[in-house]
Amino acid sequence: MKLLILGILLEKDRHPYEIRQTMVNRNWNYAFRLRDGSLYYAVDQLRERGWIEAVHTVPVPGEHRPDKTIYRITASGRQEFERLMYEQLEQPAYPQHPMMLAMPFLRYADQTRVAEIAGRQLAACEERIASLERVMAEKARRIPSSALRMIGGMLEFGRAEREWLSLIVAEAANGAYDEVRDDAGEWSRVARPPFPPHPD
């Protein structure tokens, strides 16, 4: 989050809400988890460490509404941005789809429900792909090459995710994960009694 904030402030001075909207408008929420609490906490930390500073405040009309503080990056903040950027580029990659943590245990799950959940994940994935494809088609000439490459990477990950989720939907719908291990240690499908309906 600190890297994202500092990078955005390199472009121009902004207040925290504008920083958040910039991230969303650029579809970064499809690649990074953006939490308002994390953003405002990171802004406070950056300010405390002298990496950003308040330039001025803008009054907000309306009773009991706080003024907006505009921040800019400092010279030491530019150095910290550079350090964070190269550190981030060196990070090792791991598959990080949230479903992966539960996948080893699907043999204990209601297969119909797994198929339904994977179907919702697939629909969200397809929506994300469509949105990024629109960005590429409509705004490619107004996006820096490095950001285009990032969006291209997000699309490739999304397309691979779509294929993976499609397989999970089909396999769970067919009960492929409903397995038991025999005495020889081999796994095979088993017919179990249906799970009771889950409360919605």
C-alpha atoms as a PDB file:
ATOM      1  CA  MET A   1       0.000   0.000   0.000  1.00  0.00           C
ATOM      2  CA  LYS A   2       2.837   2.398   0.820  1.00  0.00           C
ATOM      3  CA  LEU A   3       4.370   1.794  -2.609  1.00  0.00           C
ATOM      4  CA  LEU A   4       1.041   2.473  -4.341  1.00  0.00           C
ATOM      5  CA  ILE A   5       0.457   5.696  -2.387  1.00  0.00           C
ATOM      6  CA  LEU A   6       3.959   7.040  -2.956  1.00  0.00           C
ATOM      7  CA  GLY A   7       3.827   6.166  -6.649  1.00  0.00           C
ATOM      8  CA  ILE A   8       0.527   7.976  -7.119  1.00  0.00           C
ATOM      9  CA  LEU A   9       1.835  11.018  -5.245  1.00  0.00           C
ATOM     10  CA  LEU A  10       4.827  11.125  -7.601  1.00  0.00           C
ATOM     11  CA  GLU A  11       2.333  12.135 -10.298  1.00  0.00           C
ATOM     12  CA  LYS A  12       0.732  14.990  -8.344  1.00  0.00           C
ATOM     13  CA  ASP A  13      -0.398  16.030  -4.875  1.00  0.00           C
ATOM     14  CA  ARG A  14      -3.616  14.339  -3.736  1.00  0.00           C
ATOM     15  CA  HIS A  15      -5.791  13.735  -0.683  1.00  0.00           C
ATOM     16  CA  PRO A  16      -6.330  10.121   0.498  1.00  0.00           C
ATOM     17  CA  TYR A  17      -9.785   9.694  -1.025  1.00  0.00           C
ATOM     18  CA  GLU A  18      -8.446  10.869  -4.390  1.00  0.00           C
ATOM     19  CA  ILE A  19      -5.581   8.364  -4.062  1.00  0.00           C
ATOM     20  CA  ARG A  20      -8.109   5.582  -3.508  1.00  0.00           C
ATOM     21  CA  GLN A  21     -10.271   6.683  -6.438  1.00  0.00           C
ATOM     22  CA  THR A  22      -7.206   6.809  -8.680  1.00  0.00           C
ATOM     23  CA  MET A  23      -6.476   3.172  -7.809  1.00  0.00           C
ATOM     24  CA  VAL A  24     -10.068   2.117  -8.515  1.00  0.00           C
ATOM     25  CA  ASN A  25     -10.328   4.168 -11.732  1.00  0.00           C
ATOM     26  CA  ARG A  26      -7.206   2.410 -12.981  1.00  0.00           C
ATOM     27  CA  ASN A  27      -8.711  -1.005 -12.132  1.00  0.00           C
ATOM     28  CA  TRP A  28      -5.930  -1.758  -9.653  1.00  0.00           C
ATOM     29  CA  ASN A  29      -8.553  -3.224  -7.328  1.00  0.00           C
ATOM     30  CA  TYR A  30      -8.536  -6.239  -9.679  1.00  0.00           C
ATOM     31  CA  ALA A  31      -4.850  -6.856  -8.933  1.00  0.00           C
ATOM     32  CA  PHE A  32      -4.438  -5.634  -5.349  1.00  0.00           C
ATOM     33  CA  ARG A  33      -6.637  -5.844  -2.296  1.00  0.00           C
ATOM     34  CA  LEU A  34      -7.619  -2.242  -1.556  1.00  0.00           C
ATOM     35  CA  ARG A  35      -8.958  -1.620   1.938  1.00  0.00           C
ATOM     36  CA  ASP A  36      -9.843   1.903   3.049  1.00  0.00           C
ATOM     37  CA  GLY A  37      -8.544   1.239   6.561  1.00  0.00           C
ATOM     38  CA  SER A  38      -5.197   0.061   5.221  1.00  0.00           C
ATOM     39  CA  LEU A  39      -4.904   3.073   2.937  1.00  0.00           C
ATOM     40  CA  TYR A  40      -5.584   5.662   5.654  1.00  0.00           C
ATOM     41  CA  TYR A  41      -3.314   3.818   8.085  1.00  0.00           C
ATOM     42  CA  ALA A  42      -0.524   3.782   5.488  1.00  0.00           C
ATOM     43  CA  VAL A  43      -1.012   7.511   4.823  1.00  0.00           C
ATOM     44  CA  ASP A  44      -0.605   8.183   8.556  1.00  0.00           C
ATOM     45  CA  GLN A  45       2.562   6.079   8.680  1.00  0.00           C
ATOM     46  CA  LEU A  46       4.042   7.783   5.625  1.00  0.00           C
ATOM     47  CA  ARG A  47       3.321  11.192   7.141  1.00  0.00           C
ATOM     48  CA  GLU A  48       4.803  10.238  10.521  1.00  0.00           C
ATOM     49  CA  ARG A  49       7.995   9.025   8.851  1.00  0.00           C
ATOM     50  CA  GLY A  50       8.353  12.188   6.781  1.00  0.00           C
ATOM     51  CA  TRP A  51       7.857  10.457   3.437  1.00  0.00           C
ATOM     52  CA  ILE A  52       4.803  12.589   2.632  1.00  0.00           C
ATOM     53  CA  GLU A  53       3.734  15.966   3.981  1.00  0.00           C
ATOM     54  CA  ALA A  54       0.551  17.988   4.098  1.00  0.00           C
ATOM     55  CA  VAL A  55       0.506  20.784   1.533  1.00  0.00           C
ATOM     56  CA  HIS A  56      -2.820  22.379   2.429  1.00  0.00           C
ATOM     57  CA  THR A  57      -6.380  21.536   3.412  1.00  0.00           C
ATOM     58  CA  VAL A  58      -9.525  21.950   1.374  1.00  0.00           C
ATOM     59  CA  PRO A  59     -12.731  22.819   3.265  1.00  0.00           C
ATOM     60  CA  VAL A  60     -15.586  20.380   2.686  1.00  0.00           C
ATOM     61  CA  PRO A  61     -19.087  21.884   2.695  1.00  0.00           C
ATOM     62  CA  GLY A  62     -21.484  20.475   5.243  1.00  0.00           C
ATOM     63  CA  GLU A  63     -21.687  20.345   8.989  1.00  0.00           C
ATOM     64  CA  HIS A  64     -19.324  18.014  10.873  1.00  0.00           C
ATOM     65  CA  ARG A  65     -17.414  17.052   7.699  1.00  0.00           C
ATOM     66  CA  PRO A  66     -13.628  17.126   8.096  1.00  0.00           C
ATOM     67  CA  ASP A  67     -11.472  19.141   5.724  1.00  0.00           C
ATOM     68  CA  LYS A  68      -9.526  17.237   3.074  1.00  0.00           C
ATOM     69  CA  THR A  69      -5.772  17.239   3.588  1.00  0.00           C
ATOM     70  CA  ILE A  70      -3.722  17.314   0.388  1.00  0.00           C
ATOM     71  CA  TYR A  71      -0.402  15.445   0.598  1.00  0.00           C
ATOM     72  CA  ARG A  72       2.773  15.533  -1.451  1.00  0.00           C
ATOM     73  CA  ILE A  73       5.745  13.212  -1.542  1.00  0.00           C
ATOM     74  CA  THR A  74       8.973  14.468   0.075  1.00  0.00           C
ATOM     75  CA  ALA A  75      12.566  13.959  -1.057  1.00  0.00           C
ATOM     76  CA  SER A  76      13.003  11.158   1.481  1.00  0.00           C
ATOM     77  CA  GLY A  77       9.663   9.754   0.289  1.00  0.00           C
ATOM     78  CA  ARG A  78      11.067   9.511  -3.238  1.00  0.00           C
ATOM     79  CA  GLN A  79      14.002   7.518  -1.877  1.00  0.00           C
ATOM     80  CA  GLU A  80      11.615   5.256   0.051  1.00  0.00           C
ATOM     81  CA  PHE A  81       9.478   4.787  -3.069  1.00  0.00           C
ATOM     82  CA  GLU A  82      12.537   3.623  -5.001  1.00  0.00           C
ATOM     83  CA  ARG A  83      13.529   1.208  -2.221  1.00  0.00           C
ATOM     84  CA  LEU A  84       9.995  -0.231  -1.998  1.00  0.00           C
ATOM     85  CA  MET A  85       9.670  -0.536  -5.775  1.00  0.00           C
ATOM     86  CA  TYR A  86      12.842  -2.610  -6.206  1.00  0.00           C
ATOM     87  CA  GLU A  87      12.003  -4.659  -3.118  1.00  0.00           C
ATOM     88  CA  GLN A  88       8.574  -5.421  -4.562  1.00  0.00           C
ATOM     89  CA  LEU A  89      10.053  -6.440  -7.917  1.00  0.00           C
ATOM     90  CA  GLU A  90      12.219  -9.005  -6.092  1.00  0.00           C
ATOM     91  CA  GLN A  91       9.282 -10.697  -4.276  1.00  0.00           C
ATOM     92  CA  PRO A  92       8.797 -14.400  -5.109  1.00  0.00           C
ATOM     93  CA  ALA A  93       5.461 -15.388  -6.627  1.00  0.00           C
ATOM     94  CA  TYR A  94       3.018 -17.942  -5.216  1.00  0.00           C
ATOM     95  CA  PRO A  95      -0.395 -18.994  -6.531  1.00  0.00           C
ATOM     96  CA  GLN A  96      -2.715 -16.955  -4.354  1.00  0.00           C
ATOM     97  CA  HIS A  97      -6.298 -17.651  -5.357  1.00  0.00           C
ATOM     98  CA  PRO A  98      -8.299 -17.667  -2.096  1.00  0.00           C
ATOM     99  CA  MET A  99     -10.030 -20.945  -3.019  1.00  0.00           C
ATOM    100  CA  MET A 100      -6.696 -22.791  -3.028  1.00  0.00           C
ATOM    101  CA  LEU A 101      -6.543 -22.885   0.764  1.00  0.00           C
ATOM    102  CA  ALA A 102      -9.776 -24.924   0.870  1.00  0.00           C
ATOM    103  CA  MET A 103      -9.126 -27.135  -2.172  1.00  0.00           C
ATOM    104  CA  PRO A 104      -7.346 -30.014  -0.365  1.00  0.00           C
ATOM    105  CA  PHE A 105     -10.451 -30.528   1.796  1.00  0.00           C
ATOM    106  CA  LEU A 106     -13.197 -30.572  -0.840  1.00  0.00           C
ATOM    107  CA  ARG A 107     -13.741 -34.291  -0.206  1.00  0.00           C
ATOM    108  CA  TYR A 108     -15.473 -33.216   3.025  1.00  0.00           C
ATOM    109  CA  ALA A 109     -17.711 -30.685   1.268  1.00  0.00           C
ATOM    110  CA  ASP A 110     -21.153 -30.746  -0.277  1.00  0.00           C
ATOM    111  CA  GLN A 111     -20.178 -31.059  -3.954  1.00  0.00           C
ATOM    112  CA  THR A 112     -23.254 -29.192  -5.184  1.00  0.00           C
ATOM    113  CA  ARG A 113     -22.447 -26.270  -2.937  1.00  0.00           C
ATOM    114  CA  VAL A 114     -18.804 -26.284  -4.071  1.00  0.00           C
ATOM    115  CA  ALA A 115     -19.989 -26.127  -7.699  1.00  0.00           C
ATOM    116  CA  GLU A 116     -22.288 -23.192  -6.864  1.00  0.00           C
ATOM    117  CA  ILE A 117     -19.528 -21.259  -5.092  1.00  0.00           C
ATOM    118  CA  ALA A 118     -17.006 -21.945  -7.860  1.00  0.00           C
ATOM    119  CA  GLY A 119     -19.665 -20.788 -10.336  1.00  0.00           C
ATOM    120  CA  ARG A 120     -19.953 -17.454  -8.526  1.00  0.00           C
ATOM    121  CA  GLN A 121     -16.178 -17.132  -8.515  1.00  0.00           C
ATOM    122  CA  LEU A 122     -16.182 -17.879 -12.244  1.00  0.00           C
ATOM    123  CA  ALA A 123     -18.821 -15.218 -12.928  1.00  0.00           C
ATOM    124  CA  ALA A 124     -16.783 -12.637 -10.992  1.00  0.00           C
ATOM    125  CA  CYS A 125     -13.657 -13.675 -12.901  1.00  0.00           C
ATOM    126  CA  GLU A 126     -15.436 -13.277 -16.257  1.00  0.00           C
ATOM    127  CA  GLU A 127     -16.698  -9.848 -15.221  1.00  0.00           C
ATOM    128  CA  ARG A 128     -13.152  -8.823 -14.248  1.00  0.00           C
ATOM    129  CA  ILE A 129     -11.787 -10.044 -17.598  1.00  0.00           C
ATOM    130  CA  ALA A 130     -14.477  -8.154 -19.526  1.00  0.00           C
ATOM    131  CA  SER A 131     -13.743  -4.947 -17.612  1.00  0.00           C
ATOM    132  CA  LEU A 132     -10.000  -5.195 -18.264  1.00  0.00           C
ATOM    133  CA  GLU A 133     -10.592  -5.965 -21.942  1.00  0.00           C
ATOM    134  CA  ARG A 134     -12.720  -2.809 -22.196  1.00  0.00           C
ATOM    135  CA  VAL A 135      -9.913  -0.789 -20.605  1.00  0.00           C
ATOM    136  CA  MET A 136      -7.411  -2.162 -23.113  1.00  0.00           C
ATOM    137  CA  ALA A 137      -9.726  -1.464 -26.053  1.00  0.00           C
ATOM    138  CA  GLU A 138     -10.773   2.040 -25.003  1.00  0.00           C
ATOM    139  CA  LYS A 139      -7.814   3.520 -23.145  1.00  0.00           C
ATOM    140  CA  ALA A 140      -4.676   1.747 -24.361  1.00  0.00           C
ATOM    141  CA  ARG A 141      -3.216   4.886 -25.974  1.00  0.00           C
ATOM    142  CA  ARG A 142      -3.619   6.846 -22.720  1.00  0.00           C
ATOM    143  CA  ILE A 143      -1.903   4.299 -20.453  1.00  0.00           C
ATOM    144  CA  PRO A 144       1.884   4.064 -19.941  1.00  0.00           C
ATOM    145  CA  SER A 145       3.497   0.953 -21.438  1.00  0.00           C
ATOM    146  CA  SER A 146       4.434  -0.482 -18.025  1.00  0.00           C
ATOM    147  CA  ALA A 147       0.833  -0.127 -16.813  1.00  0.00           C
ATOM    148  CA  LEU A 148      -0.397  -1.747 -20.039  1.00  0.00           C
ATOM    149  CA  ARG A 149       1.909  -4.674 -19.352  1.00  0.00           C
ATOM    150  CA  MET A 150       0.475  -4.909 -15.818  1.00  0.00           C
ATOM    151  CA  ILE A 151      -3.083  -4.985 -17.194  1.00  0.00           C
ATOM    152  CA  GLY A 152      -2.001  -7.555 -19.777  1.00  0.00           C
ATOM    153  CA  GLY A 153      -0.624  -9.708 -16.973  1.00  0.00           C
ATOM    154  CA  MET A 154      -3.863  -9.333 -15.028  1.00  0.00           C
ATOM    155  CA  LEU A 155      -5.764 -10.468 -18.124  1.00  0.00           C
ATOM    156  CA  GLU A 156      -3.550 -13.524 -18.618  1.00  0.00           C
ATOM    157  CA  PHE A 157      -3.938 -14.476 -14.958  1.00  0.00           C
ATOM    158  CA  GLY A 158      -7.696 -13.927 -15.272  1.00  0.00           C
ATOM    159  CA  ARG A 159      -7.964 -16.130 -18.349  1.00  0.00           C
ATOM    160  CA  ALA A 160      -5.982 -18.902 -16.654  1.00  0.00           C
ATOM    161  CA  GLU A 161      -8.193 -18.500 -13.565  1.00  0.00           C
ATOM    162  CA  ARG A 162     -11.308 -18.752 -15.749  1.00  0.00           C
ATOM    163  CA  GLU A 163     -10.123 -22.059 -17.221  1.00  0.00           C
ATOM    164  CA  TRP A 164      -9.202 -23.403 -13.771  1.00  0.00           C
ATOM    165  CA  LEU A 165     -12.545 -22.370 -12.244  1.00  0.00           C
ATOM    166  CA  SER A 166     -14.472 -23.835 -15.183  1.00  0.00           C
ATOM    167  CA  LEU A 167     -12.846 -27.195 -14.467  1.00  0.00           C
ATOM    168  CA  ILE A 168     -13.702 -26.960 -10.762  1.00  0.00           C
ATOM    169  CA  VAL A 169     -17.347 -26.138 -11.533  1.00  0.00           C
ATOM    170  CA  ALA A 170     -17.630 -29.120 -13.889  1.00  0.00           C
ATOM    171  CA  GLU A 171     -15.770 -31.530 -11.617  1.00  0.00           C
ATOM    172  CA  ALA A 172     -17.628 -30.553  -8.448  1.00  0.00           C
ATOM    173  CA  ALA A 173     -20.965 -30.772 -10.298  1.00  0.00           C
ATOM    174  CA  ASN A 174     -20.024 -34.363 -11.200  1.00  0.00           C
ATOM    175  CA  GLY A 175     -18.927 -35.187  -7.644  1.00  0.00           C
ATOM    176  CA  ALA A 176     -15.292 -35.632  -8.666  1.00  0.00           C
ATOM    177  CA  TYR A 177     -13.960 -34.459  -5.297  1.00  0.00           C
ATOM    178  CA  ASP A 178     -16.107 -36.813  -3.243  1.00  0.00           C
ATOM    179  CA  GLU A 179     -13.323 -39.316  -2.600  1.00  0.00           C
ATOM    180  CA  VAL A 180     -12.072 -41.761   0.013  1.00  0.00           C
ATOM    181  CA  ARG A 181      -8.688 -43.428   0.397  1.00  0.00           C
ATOM    182  CA  ASP A 182      -8.524 -47.203   0.439  1.00  0.00           C
ATOM    183  CA  ASP A 183      -6.154 -49.435   2.437  1.00  0.00           C
ATOM    184  CA  ALA A 184      -3.548 -49.204  -0.342  1.00  0.00           C
ATOM    185  CA  GLY A 185      -3.495 -45.396   0.017  1.00  0.00           C
ATOM    186  CA  GLU A 186      -5.221 -44.728  -3.317  1.00  0.00           C
ATOM    187  CA  TRP A 187      -8.079 -42.273  -3.745  1.00  0.00           C
ATOM    188  CA  SER A 188     -11.339 -43.120  -5.494  1.00  0.00           C
ATOM    189  CA  ARG A 189     -14.782 -41.589  -5.794  1.00  0.00           C
ATOM    190  CA  VAL A 190     -17.478 -42.729  -3.453  1.00  0.00           C
ATOM    191  CA  ALA A 191     -21.237 -42.274  -3.389  1.00  0.00           C
ATOM    192  CA  ARG A 192     -22.173 -40.598  -0.115  1.00  0.00           C
ATOM    193  CA  PRO A 193     -25.611 -39.709   1.222  1.00  0.00           C
ATOM    194  CA  PRO A 194     -26.526 -36.147   0.232  1.00  0.00           C
ATOM    195  CA  PHE A 195     -25.661 -33.322   2.593  1.00  0.00           C
ATOM    196  CA  PRO A 196     -28.574 -31.652   4.385  1.00  0.00           C
ATOM    197  CA  PRO A 197     -29.564 -28.304   2.847  1.00  0.00           C
ATOM    198  CA  HIS A 198     -27.465 -25.427   4.139  1.00  0.00           C
ATOM    199  CA  PRO A 199     -29.173 -22.347   5.580  1.00  0.00           C
ATOM    200  CA  ASP A 200     -29.024 -19.313   3.269  1.00  0.00           C
END
